[in-house]
N, C-alpha and C. Protein backbone atom coordinates (compact mmCIF):
# COMPACT_ATOMS: atom_id res chain seq x y z
N MET A 1 77.51 -8.92 -8.90
CA MET A 1 76.27 -8.78 -9.65
C MET A 1 75.29 -7.94 -8.82
N ILE A 2 74.54 -7.14 -9.52
CA ILE A 2 73.54 -6.28 -8.87
C ILE A 2 72.19 -6.54 -9.50
N GLU A 3 71.19 -6.74 -8.65
CA GLU A 3 69.82 -6.90 -9.16
C GLU A 3 69.26 -5.52 -9.49
N LEU A 4 68.95 -5.32 -10.75
CA LEU A 4 68.48 -4.03 -11.23
C LEU A 4 67.10 -3.71 -10.65
N LYS A 5 66.91 -2.48 -10.17
CA LYS A 5 65.65 -2.06 -9.57
C LYS A 5 64.97 -0.92 -10.35
N GLU A 6 65.74 -0.21 -11.16
CA GLU A 6 65.22 0.90 -11.95
C GLU A 6 65.25 0.51 -13.42
N PHE A 7 64.11 0.72 -14.10
CA PHE A 7 63.98 0.25 -15.48
C PHE A 7 63.59 1.39 -16.42
N LYS A 8 63.98 1.25 -17.69
CA LYS A 8 63.69 2.25 -18.71
C LYS A 8 62.53 1.79 -19.60
N ASN A 9 61.77 2.74 -20.09
CA ASN A 9 60.74 2.50 -21.11
C ASN A 9 59.67 1.50 -20.69
N ILE A 10 59.30 1.52 -19.43
CA ILE A 10 58.22 0.67 -18.95
C ILE A 10 57.16 1.57 -18.33
N ASP A 11 55.95 1.48 -18.87
CA ASP A 11 54.84 2.33 -18.42
C ASP A 11 54.12 1.64 -17.26
N GLU A 12 54.60 1.88 -16.05
CA GLU A 12 54.01 1.26 -14.86
C GLU A 12 52.58 1.74 -14.63
N ASP A 13 52.28 2.98 -15.01
CA ASP A 13 50.92 3.50 -14.84
C ASP A 13 49.92 2.73 -15.70
N PHE A 14 50.30 2.42 -16.94
CA PHE A 14 49.44 1.65 -17.82
C PHE A 14 49.22 0.25 -17.24
N TYR A 15 50.29 -0.34 -16.75
CA TYR A 15 50.20 -1.67 -16.12
C TYR A 15 49.24 -1.63 -14.92
N GLU A 16 49.40 -0.64 -14.06
CA GLU A 16 48.54 -0.53 -12.88
C GLU A 16 47.09 -0.29 -13.27
N SER A 17 46.87 0.47 -14.35
CA SER A 17 45.51 0.70 -14.84
C SER A 17 44.86 -0.61 -15.30
N LYS A 18 45.60 -1.41 -16.05
CA LYS A 18 45.09 -2.70 -16.52
C LYS A 18 44.87 -3.66 -15.34
N LYS A 19 45.74 -3.59 -14.36
CA LYS A 19 45.60 -4.41 -13.17
C LYS A 19 44.33 -4.03 -12.40
N GLN A 20 44.07 -2.74 -12.31
CA GLN A 20 42.85 -2.26 -11.64
C GLN A 20 41.60 -2.68 -12.40
N ASP A 21 41.63 -2.58 -13.73
CA ASP A 21 40.50 -3.03 -14.55
C ASP A 21 40.21 -4.52 -14.32
N LEU A 22 41.27 -5.30 -14.25
CA LEU A 22 41.11 -6.74 -14.03
C LEU A 22 40.53 -7.01 -12.64
N GLN A 23 40.99 -6.28 -11.64
CA GLN A 23 40.48 -6.46 -10.29
C GLN A 23 38.99 -6.10 -10.21
N GLU A 24 38.59 -5.04 -10.89
CA GLU A 24 37.18 -4.67 -10.92
C GLU A 24 36.34 -5.75 -11.59
N CYS A 25 36.87 -6.32 -12.66
CA CYS A 25 36.19 -7.42 -13.35
C CYS A 25 36.04 -8.61 -12.41
N ARG A 26 37.10 -8.94 -11.69
CA ARG A 26 37.05 -10.05 -10.73
C ARG A 26 35.99 -9.80 -9.66
N ASN A 27 35.96 -8.58 -9.15
CA ASN A 27 34.98 -8.25 -8.11
C ASN A 27 33.55 -8.39 -8.61
N GLU A 28 33.33 -8.08 -9.87
CA GLU A 28 31.98 -8.18 -10.46
C GLU A 28 31.59 -9.60 -10.82
N ASN A 29 32.54 -10.39 -11.30
CA ASN A 29 32.20 -11.68 -11.91
C ASN A 29 32.57 -12.93 -11.12
N VAL A 30 33.45 -12.82 -10.16
CA VAL A 30 33.87 -13.99 -9.39
C VAL A 30 33.18 -13.94 -8.04
N LYS A 31 32.45 -15.01 -7.75
CA LYS A 31 31.61 -15.02 -6.56
C LYS A 31 32.31 -15.55 -5.31
N ASP A 32 33.40 -16.31 -5.46
CA ASP A 32 34.04 -16.86 -4.27
C ASP A 32 34.99 -15.83 -3.63
N MET A 33 35.52 -16.17 -2.49
CA MET A 33 36.35 -15.25 -1.72
C MET A 33 37.73 -15.00 -2.33
N THR A 34 38.24 -15.95 -3.12
CA THR A 34 39.60 -15.80 -3.66
C THR A 34 39.68 -14.73 -4.74
N LYS A 35 38.56 -14.49 -5.42
CA LYS A 35 38.51 -13.52 -6.51
C LYS A 35 39.55 -13.82 -7.59
N SER A 36 39.76 -15.10 -7.85
CA SER A 36 40.71 -15.54 -8.86
C SER A 36 40.00 -15.71 -10.20
N CYS A 37 40.64 -15.28 -11.27
CA CYS A 37 40.07 -15.45 -12.61
C CYS A 37 39.83 -16.92 -12.93
N SER A 38 40.61 -17.80 -12.35
CA SER A 38 40.44 -19.23 -12.64
C SER A 38 39.09 -19.74 -12.13
N ASN A 39 38.44 -18.99 -11.24
CA ASN A 39 37.13 -19.37 -10.72
C ASN A 39 35.98 -18.64 -11.41
N CYS A 40 36.27 -17.93 -12.47
CA CYS A 40 35.26 -17.19 -13.22
C CYS A 40 34.72 -18.05 -14.35
N SER A 41 33.43 -18.01 -14.55
CA SER A 41 32.82 -18.81 -15.62
C SER A 41 33.23 -18.32 -17.02
N LYS A 42 33.77 -17.11 -17.12
CA LYS A 42 34.15 -16.55 -18.41
C LYS A 42 35.65 -16.67 -18.70
N VAL A 43 36.40 -17.36 -17.85
CA VAL A 43 37.85 -17.36 -17.94
C VAL A 43 38.37 -17.85 -19.30
N PHE A 44 37.71 -18.81 -19.92
CA PHE A 44 38.21 -19.34 -21.19
C PHE A 44 37.93 -18.41 -22.37
N TYR A 45 37.10 -17.40 -22.17
CA TYR A 45 36.74 -16.48 -23.26
C TYR A 45 37.10 -15.04 -22.93
N CYS A 46 37.81 -14.82 -21.86
CA CYS A 46 38.08 -13.48 -21.36
C CYS A 46 39.31 -12.86 -22.02
N ASP A 47 39.11 -11.77 -22.73
CA ASP A 47 40.23 -11.06 -23.33
C ASP A 47 40.98 -10.23 -22.30
N LYS A 48 40.28 -9.80 -21.25
CA LYS A 48 40.90 -8.96 -20.23
C LYS A 48 42.06 -9.66 -19.55
N ILE A 49 41.85 -10.90 -19.14
CA ILE A 49 42.92 -11.63 -18.46
C ILE A 49 44.04 -11.96 -19.43
N LYS A 50 43.71 -12.30 -20.66
CA LYS A 50 44.74 -12.62 -21.64
C LYS A 50 45.61 -11.40 -21.94
N GLU A 51 44.99 -10.24 -22.09
CA GLU A 51 45.73 -9.00 -22.36
C GLU A 51 46.61 -8.63 -21.17
N PHE A 52 46.08 -8.77 -19.95
CA PHE A 52 46.85 -8.44 -18.77
C PHE A 52 48.04 -9.39 -18.61
N VAL A 53 47.82 -10.66 -18.82
CA VAL A 53 48.89 -11.66 -18.70
C VAL A 53 49.98 -11.37 -19.72
N GLU A 54 49.60 -11.05 -20.93
CA GLU A 54 50.58 -10.72 -21.98
C GLU A 54 51.35 -9.46 -21.62
N LEU A 55 50.67 -8.43 -21.12
CA LEU A 55 51.32 -7.19 -20.71
C LEU A 55 52.31 -7.47 -19.58
N ARG A 56 51.89 -8.23 -18.60
CA ARG A 56 52.77 -8.55 -17.47
C ARG A 56 54.00 -9.32 -17.96
N PHE A 57 53.79 -10.26 -18.87
CA PHE A 57 54.91 -11.02 -19.42
C PHE A 57 55.89 -10.10 -20.14
N GLN A 58 55.38 -9.20 -20.97
CA GLN A 58 56.25 -8.29 -21.73
C GLN A 58 57.05 -7.39 -20.79
N ILE A 59 56.41 -6.91 -19.74
CA ILE A 59 57.11 -6.06 -18.77
C ILE A 59 58.19 -6.85 -18.05
N THR A 60 57.88 -8.04 -17.60
CA THR A 60 58.87 -8.81 -16.85
C THR A 60 60.04 -9.25 -17.71
N ILE A 61 59.78 -9.58 -18.98
CA ILE A 61 60.90 -9.97 -19.85
C ILE A 61 61.77 -8.75 -20.16
N THR A 62 61.17 -7.60 -20.30
CA THR A 62 61.93 -6.38 -20.53
C THR A 62 62.82 -6.07 -19.32
N LYS A 63 62.25 -6.19 -18.14
CA LYS A 63 63.02 -5.95 -16.92
C LYS A 63 64.16 -6.97 -16.78
N LEU A 64 63.88 -8.22 -17.08
CA LEU A 64 64.91 -9.25 -16.99
C LEU A 64 66.05 -8.96 -17.96
N LYS A 65 65.73 -8.61 -19.18
CA LYS A 65 66.75 -8.31 -20.18
C LYS A 65 67.58 -7.09 -19.79
N GLN A 66 66.92 -6.07 -19.25
CA GLN A 66 67.66 -4.88 -18.80
C GLN A 66 68.60 -5.23 -17.65
N CYS A 67 68.15 -6.09 -16.76
CA CYS A 67 68.99 -6.53 -15.65
C CYS A 67 70.19 -7.31 -16.18
N GLN A 68 69.95 -8.22 -17.12
CA GLN A 68 71.05 -8.98 -17.71
C GLN A 68 72.06 -8.06 -18.39
N GLU A 69 71.56 -7.09 -19.16
CA GLU A 69 72.44 -6.15 -19.85
C GLU A 69 73.25 -5.32 -18.87
N SER A 70 72.63 -4.89 -17.78
CA SER A 70 73.34 -4.06 -16.80
C SER A 70 74.46 -4.84 -16.10
N ASN A 71 74.34 -6.17 -16.12
CA ASN A 71 75.37 -7.03 -15.52
C ASN A 71 76.23 -7.73 -16.58
N SER A 72 76.09 -7.31 -17.84
CA SER A 72 76.85 -7.88 -18.96
C SER A 72 76.68 -9.39 -19.06
N LEU A 73 75.42 -9.82 -18.96
CA LEU A 73 75.10 -11.25 -19.05
C LEU A 73 74.16 -11.51 -20.22
N ASN A 74 74.22 -12.71 -20.76
CA ASN A 74 73.28 -13.15 -21.79
C ASN A 74 72.20 -14.04 -21.20
N SER A 75 72.41 -14.48 -19.97
CA SER A 75 71.51 -15.41 -19.31
C SER A 75 71.60 -15.21 -17.80
N CYS A 76 70.56 -15.60 -17.11
CA CYS A 76 70.57 -15.54 -15.65
C CYS A 76 71.38 -16.68 -15.04
N MET A 77 71.60 -17.72 -15.81
CA MET A 77 72.26 -18.92 -15.29
C MET A 77 73.63 -18.63 -14.68
N SER A 78 74.36 -17.68 -15.23
CA SER A 78 75.70 -17.41 -14.72
C SER A 78 75.72 -16.31 -13.65
N CYS A 79 74.55 -15.84 -13.27
CA CYS A 79 74.47 -14.78 -12.26
C CYS A 79 74.50 -15.39 -10.86
N GLU A 80 75.24 -14.78 -9.98
CA GLU A 80 75.33 -15.28 -8.60
C GLU A 80 74.03 -15.10 -7.82
N LEU A 81 73.13 -14.28 -8.33
CA LEU A 81 71.83 -14.04 -7.68
C LEU A 81 70.72 -14.92 -8.27
N PHE A 82 71.11 -15.91 -9.05
CA PHE A 82 70.16 -16.76 -9.78
C PHE A 82 69.00 -17.24 -8.92
N PHE A 83 69.25 -17.70 -7.72
CA PHE A 83 68.20 -18.29 -6.88
C PHE A 83 67.45 -17.27 -6.04
N THR A 84 67.95 -16.05 -5.93
CA THR A 84 67.32 -15.06 -5.06
C THR A 84 66.79 -13.83 -5.80
N CYS A 85 67.02 -13.75 -7.07
CA CYS A 85 66.67 -12.56 -7.85
C CYS A 85 65.16 -12.41 -8.03
N GLN A 86 64.62 -11.28 -7.61
CA GLN A 86 63.19 -11.02 -7.74
C GLN A 86 62.78 -10.82 -9.21
N ASN A 87 63.66 -10.22 -10.01
CA ASN A 87 63.34 -10.04 -11.43
C ASN A 87 63.17 -11.39 -12.12
N ARG A 88 64.05 -12.34 -11.80
CA ARG A 88 63.94 -13.68 -12.39
C ARG A 88 62.69 -14.39 -11.89
N LYS A 89 62.40 -14.29 -10.62
CA LYS A 89 61.20 -14.92 -10.05
C LYS A 89 59.94 -14.36 -10.71
N ASN A 90 59.88 -13.04 -10.87
CA ASN A 90 58.73 -12.41 -11.53
C ASN A 90 58.59 -12.91 -12.97
N TYR A 91 59.72 -13.06 -13.65
CA TYR A 91 59.70 -13.56 -15.02
C TYR A 91 59.19 -15.00 -15.08
N VAL A 92 59.67 -15.85 -14.19
CA VAL A 92 59.22 -17.24 -14.16
C VAL A 92 57.72 -17.31 -13.88
N ASP A 93 57.25 -16.51 -12.91
CA ASP A 93 55.82 -16.48 -12.59
C ASP A 93 54.99 -15.99 -13.78
N ALA A 94 55.47 -14.93 -14.45
CA ALA A 94 54.74 -14.38 -15.60
C ALA A 94 54.73 -15.36 -16.76
N THR A 95 55.81 -16.10 -16.94
CA THR A 95 55.88 -17.12 -18.01
C THR A 95 54.87 -18.23 -17.74
N TYR A 96 54.83 -18.70 -16.52
CA TYR A 96 53.87 -19.74 -16.13
C TYR A 96 52.44 -19.25 -16.36
N GLU A 97 52.17 -18.02 -15.93
CA GLU A 97 50.83 -17.47 -16.09
C GLU A 97 50.48 -17.29 -17.57
N LYS A 98 51.46 -16.90 -18.37
CA LYS A 98 51.21 -16.73 -19.81
C LYS A 98 50.90 -18.09 -20.46
N MET A 99 51.60 -19.12 -20.02
CA MET A 99 51.37 -20.45 -20.59
C MET A 99 49.96 -20.94 -20.32
N ASN A 100 49.40 -20.61 -19.16
CA ASN A 100 48.04 -21.06 -18.86
C ASN A 100 47.01 -19.95 -19.06
N GLU A 101 47.44 -18.85 -19.66
CA GLU A 101 46.58 -17.72 -20.00
C GLU A 101 45.76 -17.20 -18.82
N GLY A 102 46.35 -17.24 -17.62
CA GLY A 102 45.69 -16.72 -16.44
C GLY A 102 44.60 -17.60 -15.89
N ARG A 103 44.56 -18.86 -16.32
CA ARG A 103 43.49 -19.76 -15.90
C ARG A 103 43.85 -20.60 -14.68
N GLY A 104 45.00 -20.38 -14.10
CA GLY A 104 45.34 -21.06 -12.87
C GLY A 104 45.75 -22.51 -13.00
N GLY A 105 46.52 -22.86 -14.00
CA GLY A 105 47.09 -24.19 -14.04
C GLY A 105 46.77 -25.02 -15.26
N GLU A 106 45.84 -24.62 -16.09
CA GLU A 106 45.52 -25.40 -17.28
C GLU A 106 46.31 -24.87 -18.46
N PHE A 107 46.85 -25.78 -19.27
CA PHE A 107 47.68 -25.39 -20.40
C PHE A 107 47.07 -25.88 -21.70
N ASP A 108 47.22 -25.09 -22.76
CA ASP A 108 46.86 -25.50 -24.11
C ASP A 108 48.14 -25.63 -24.90
N PHE A 109 48.44 -26.85 -25.35
CA PHE A 109 49.63 -27.06 -26.17
C PHE A 109 49.23 -27.33 -27.60
């Protein structure tokens, strides 16, 4: 099995632009040293973090699926790199962040 590093149809420049916009927002609105959106008073009403989290999730799921396809897999479970794969780790992190909408641990079910 090979962990895929090159991906098709993913606009990394757009992602980096949104990431930069979010960082600028954090610098303006978050007063503590961590500069985490979870410490912003606007976090529950912020479309910027929600859009960025959704974009990150879509990119990571696309990368994960491309990696699975390149290895002729339907799931990561049967991959020998299951515990060390960076694509899978990024997907798990993005899924967690999407579930809490970038708020750092709070979930709405």
